[in-house]
Amino acid sequence: APLYYGYGGPGEYAERSLLARSMERVIMEKAPDTVLVLMKASRDVIAGRMKDNPHAHPVVQEKDIETVLERFEQEYGVSWIRRKFELDTSTATVEETLVEFDAKMKPLLSQVDRTRLLAFRAMEGA
């Protein structure tokens, strides 16, 4: 909103960073096991992906990629969600990214999550 619509910046109506913290408070109350994943890629890779696979109604303009990357990093850094990790897809394939996601996610799973996975795997084998 601050970048393209002129509101929601620091000290302005509907400040996005404050709204994010408010939403995170609710998330942490209702779903304390939430894991935040910051998926990112380099500016050049994102620009290339935008050209190779354009959206019908793009939001981010190529000239703003660096700004948007910086803002996501900032918000990730100040997030109240403490169970989090980053995935950089600049050079990784989809398969490599999935393997990295699995490796980083496993240590963050709750005991309930682990039990669900065991039950699911047991049912698959039945």
C-alpha atoms as a PDB file:
ATOM      1  CA  ALA A   1       0.000   0.000   0.000  1.00  0.00           C
ATOM      2  CA  PRO A   2       2.666   2.607   0.829  1.00  0.00           C
ATOM      3  CA  LEU A   3       4.568   1.896  -2.382  1.00  0.00           C
ATOM      4  CA  TYR A   4       1.678   1.944  -4.845  1.00  0.00           C
ATOM      5  CA  TYR A   5      -1.389   3.398  -3.130  1.00  0.00           C
ATOM      6  CA  GLY A   6       0.009   6.206  -1.003  1.00  0.00           C
ATOM      7  CA  TYR A   7      -1.085   5.069   2.453  1.00  0.00           C
ATOM      8  CA  GLY A   8      -0.014   2.638   5.160  1.00  0.00           C
ATOM      9  CA  GLY A   9       3.532   3.916   5.590  1.00  0.00           C
ATOM     10  CA  PRO A  10       5.175   4.665   8.955  1.00  0.00           C
ATOM     11  CA  GLY A  11       2.977   7.005  11.005  1.00  0.00           C
ATOM     12  CA  GLU A  12       0.206   6.962   8.405  1.00  0.00           C
ATOM     13  CA  TYR A  13      -3.351   5.645   8.420  1.00  0.00           C
ATOM     14  CA  ALA A  14      -3.400   1.830   8.375  1.00  0.00           C
ATOM     15  CA  GLU A  15       0.355   1.545   8.892  1.00  0.00           C
ATOM     16  CA  ARG A  16       1.177  -1.841   7.412  1.00  0.00           C
ATOM     17  CA  SER A  17       3.889  -2.780   9.883  1.00  0.00           C
ATOM     18  CA  LEU A  18       1.546  -2.181  12.839  1.00  0.00           C
ATOM     19  CA  LEU A  19      -1.221  -4.130  11.140  1.00  0.00           C
ATOM     20  CA  ALA A  20       1.190  -7.016  10.578  1.00  0.00           C
ATOM     21  CA  ARG A  21       2.133  -7.118  14.260  1.00  0.00           C
ATOM     22  CA  SER A  22      -1.552  -7.043  15.198  1.00  0.00           C
ATOM     23  CA  MET A  23      -2.258  -9.989  12.890  1.00  0.00           C
ATOM     24  CA  GLU A  24       0.760 -11.862  14.221  1.00  0.00           C
ATOM     25  CA  ARG A  25      -0.507 -11.434  17.779  1.00  0.00           C
ATOM     26  CA  VAL A  26      -3.764 -13.138  16.790  1.00  0.00           C
ATOM     27  CA  ILE A  27      -1.889 -15.843  14.873  1.00  0.00           C
ATOM     28  CA  MET A  28       0.314 -16.566  17.881  1.00  0.00           C
ATOM     29  CA  GLU A  29      -2.728 -16.805  20.164  1.00  0.00           C
ATOM     30  CA  LYS A  30      -4.741 -19.065  17.874  1.00  0.00           C
ATOM     31  CA  ALA A  31      -1.942 -20.999  16.146  1.00  0.00           C
ATOM     32  CA  PRO A  32       1.217 -20.770  18.274  1.00  0.00           C
ATOM     33  CA  ASP A  33       2.976 -23.465  16.228  1.00  0.00           C
ATOM     34  CA  THR A  34       2.885 -21.316  13.084  1.00  0.00           C
ATOM     35  CA  VAL A  35       6.099 -21.226  11.081  1.00  0.00           C
ATOM     36  CA  LEU A  36       6.964 -18.209   8.948  1.00  0.00           C
ATOM     37  CA  VAL A  37       8.890 -18.920   5.747  1.00  0.00           C
ATOM     38  CA  LEU A  38      10.549 -16.098   3.830  1.00  0.00           C
ATOM     39  CA  MET A  39      10.903 -17.199   0.234  1.00  0.00           C
ATOM     40  CA  LYS A  40      13.193 -14.989  -1.737  1.00  0.00           C
ATOM     41  CA  ALA A  41      15.307 -14.769  -4.842  1.00  0.00           C
ATOM     42  CA  SER A  42      17.778 -12.279  -6.224  1.00  0.00           C
ATOM     43  CA  ARG A  43      16.549  -9.143  -7.937  1.00  0.00           C
ATOM     44  CA  ASP A  44      17.743 -10.366 -11.340  1.00  0.00           C
ATOM     45  CA  VAL A  45      16.111 -13.775 -10.963  1.00  0.00           C
ATOM     46  CA  ILE A  46      12.792 -12.183  -9.989  1.00  0.00           C
ATOM     47  CA  ALA A  47      12.981  -9.784 -12.948  1.00  0.00           C
ATOM     48  CA  GLY A  48      13.668 -12.726 -15.260  1.00  0.00           C
ATOM     49  CA  ARG A  49      10.760 -14.708 -13.844  1.00  0.00           C
ATOM     50  CA  MET A  50       8.482 -11.710 -14.292  1.00  0.00           C
ATOM     51  CA  LYS A  51       9.470 -11.503 -17.965  1.00  0.00           C
ATOM     52  CA  ASP A  52       9.298 -15.260 -18.583  1.00  0.00           C
ATOM     53  CA  ASN A  53       5.952 -15.759 -16.849  1.00  0.00           C
ATOM     54  CA  PRO A  54       4.134 -12.416 -16.660  1.00  0.00           C
ATOM     55  CA  HIS A  55       0.988 -11.992 -14.566  1.00  0.00           C
ATOM     56  CA  ALA A  56      -2.101 -10.561 -16.219  1.00  0.00           C
ATOM     57  CA  HIS A  57      -2.332  -7.898 -13.513  1.00  0.00           C
ATOM     58  CA  PRO A  58       1.119  -7.500 -11.938  1.00  0.00           C
ATOM     59  CA  VAL A  59       1.437  -5.617  -8.662  1.00  0.00           C
ATOM     60  CA  VAL A  60       5.193  -5.194  -8.317  1.00  0.00           C
ATOM     61  CA  GLN A  61       6.937  -3.233 -11.029  1.00  0.00           C
ATOM     62  CA  GLU A  62      10.434  -4.270 -12.083  1.00  0.00           C
ATOM     63  CA  LYS A  63      11.921  -0.972 -10.879  1.00  0.00           C
ATOM     64  CA  ASP A  64      10.612  -1.740  -7.368  1.00  0.00           C
ATOM     65  CA  ILE A  65      11.890  -5.300  -6.933  1.00  0.00           C
ATOM     66  CA  GLU A  66      14.814  -4.277  -4.703  1.00  0.00           C
ATOM     67  CA  THR A  67      12.545  -2.126  -2.513  1.00  0.00           C
ATOM     68  CA  VAL A  68      10.027  -4.944  -2.122  1.00  0.00           C
ATOM     69  CA  LEU A  69      12.793  -7.438  -1.277  1.00  0.00           C
ATOM     70  CA  GLU A  70      14.124  -5.078   1.388  1.00  0.00           C
ATOM     71  CA  ARG A  71      10.664  -4.558   2.906  1.00  0.00           C
ATOM     72  CA  PHE A  72      10.006  -8.304   3.097  1.00  0.00           C
ATOM     73  CA  GLU A  73      13.392  -8.768   4.815  1.00  0.00           C
ATOM     74  CA  GLN A  74      12.579  -5.974   7.276  1.00  0.00           C
ATOM     75  CA  GLU A  75       9.162  -7.375   8.157  1.00  0.00           C
ATOM     76  CA  TYR A  76      10.562 -10.895   8.458  1.00  0.00           C
ATOM     77  CA  GLY A  77      13.232  -9.586  10.818  1.00  0.00           C
ATOM     78  CA  VAL A  78      10.778  -7.859  13.160  1.00  0.00           C
ATOM     79  CA  SER A  79       8.085 -10.525  12.976  1.00  0.00           C
ATOM     80  CA  TRP A  80       6.758 -11.768  16.300  1.00  0.00           C
ATOM     81  CA  ILE A  81       6.618 -15.267  14.838  1.00  0.00           C
ATOM     82  CA  ARG A  82       9.796 -16.811  16.199  1.00  0.00           C
ATOM     83  CA  ARG A  83       9.640 -20.164  14.445  1.00  0.00           C
ATOM     84  CA  LYS A  84      10.883 -19.142  11.030  1.00  0.00           C
ATOM     85  CA  PHE A  85      13.396 -19.724   8.290  1.00  0.00           C
ATOM     86  CA  GLU A  86      14.372 -18.482   4.837  1.00  0.00           C
ATOM     87  CA  LEU A  87      14.492 -20.199   1.464  1.00  0.00           C
ATOM     88  CA  ASP A  88      16.463 -18.576  -1.331  1.00  0.00           C
ATOM     89  CA  THR A  89      15.229 -19.870  -4.678  1.00  0.00           C
ATOM     90  CA  SER A  90      17.683 -17.850  -6.782  1.00  0.00           C
ATOM     91  CA  THR A  91      19.592 -20.887  -7.998  1.00  0.00           C
ATOM     92  CA  ALA A  92      17.696 -23.831  -6.496  1.00  0.00           C
ATOM     93  CA  THR A  93      15.325 -26.008  -8.463  1.00  0.00           C
ATOM     94  CA  VAL A  94      11.825 -26.672  -7.167  1.00  0.00           C
ATOM     95  CA  GLU A  95      12.988 -30.108  -5.992  1.00  0.00           C
ATOM     96  CA  GLU A  96      16.034 -28.665  -4.197  1.00  0.00           C
ATOM     97  CA  THR A  97      13.856 -26.032  -2.534  1.00  0.00           C
ATOM     98  CA  LEU A  98      11.448 -28.717  -1.328  1.00  0.00           C
ATOM     99  CA  VAL A  99      14.314 -30.744   0.158  1.00  0.00           C
ATOM    100  CA  GLU A 100      15.631 -27.627   1.919  1.00  0.00           C
ATOM    101  CA  PHE A 101      12.125 -26.793   3.167  1.00  0.00           C
ATOM    102  CA  ASP A 102      11.742 -30.296   4.591  1.00  0.00           C
ATOM    103  CA  ALA A 103      15.137 -30.144   6.333  1.00  0.00           C
ATOM    104  CA  LYS A 104      14.438 -26.736   7.878  1.00  0.00           C
ATOM    105  CA  MET A 105      10.836 -27.498   8.789  1.00  0.00           C
ATOM    106  CA  LYS A 106      11.346 -30.815  10.576  1.00  0.00           C
ATOM    107  CA  PRO A 107      13.089 -29.351  13.661  1.00  0.00           C
ATOM    108  CA  LEU A 108      10.247 -26.832  14.038  1.00  0.00           C
ATOM    109  CA  LEU A 109       7.420 -29.349  14.061  1.00  0.00           C
ATOM    110  CA  SER A 110       5.471 -29.640  17.298  1.00  0.00           C
ATOM    111  CA  GLN A 111       4.922 -32.976  18.984  1.00  0.00           C
ATOM    112  CA  VAL A 112       1.331 -32.899  17.720  1.00  0.00           C
ATOM    113  CA  ASP A 113       2.599 -32.369  14.160  1.00  0.00           C
ATOM    114  CA  ARG A 114       5.045 -35.246  14.507  1.00  0.00           C
ATOM    115  CA  THR A 115       2.304 -37.547  15.812  1.00  0.00           C
ATOM    116  CA  ARG A 116       0.019 -36.579  12.907  1.00  0.00           C
ATOM    117  CA  LEU A 117       2.788 -37.376  10.418  1.00  0.00           C
ATOM    118  CA  LEU A 118       3.412 -40.777  12.005  1.00  0.00           C
ATOM    119  CA  ALA A 119      -0.307 -41.577  11.933  1.00  0.00           C
ATOM    120  CA  PHE A 120      -0.604 -40.444   8.320  1.00  0.00           C
ATOM    121  CA  ARG A 121       2.364 -42.564   7.240  1.00  0.00           C
ATOM    122  CA  ALA A 122       0.962 -45.533   9.130  1.00  0.00           C
ATOM    123  CA  MET A 123      -2.390 -45.131   7.348  1.00  0.00           C
ATOM    124  CA  GLU A 124      -0.651 -44.863   3.965  1.00  0.00           C
ATOM    125  CA  GLY A 125       1.016 -48.219   4.565  1.00  0.00           C
ATOM    126  CA  ALA A 126      -2.195 -49.917   5.657  1.00  0.00           C
END
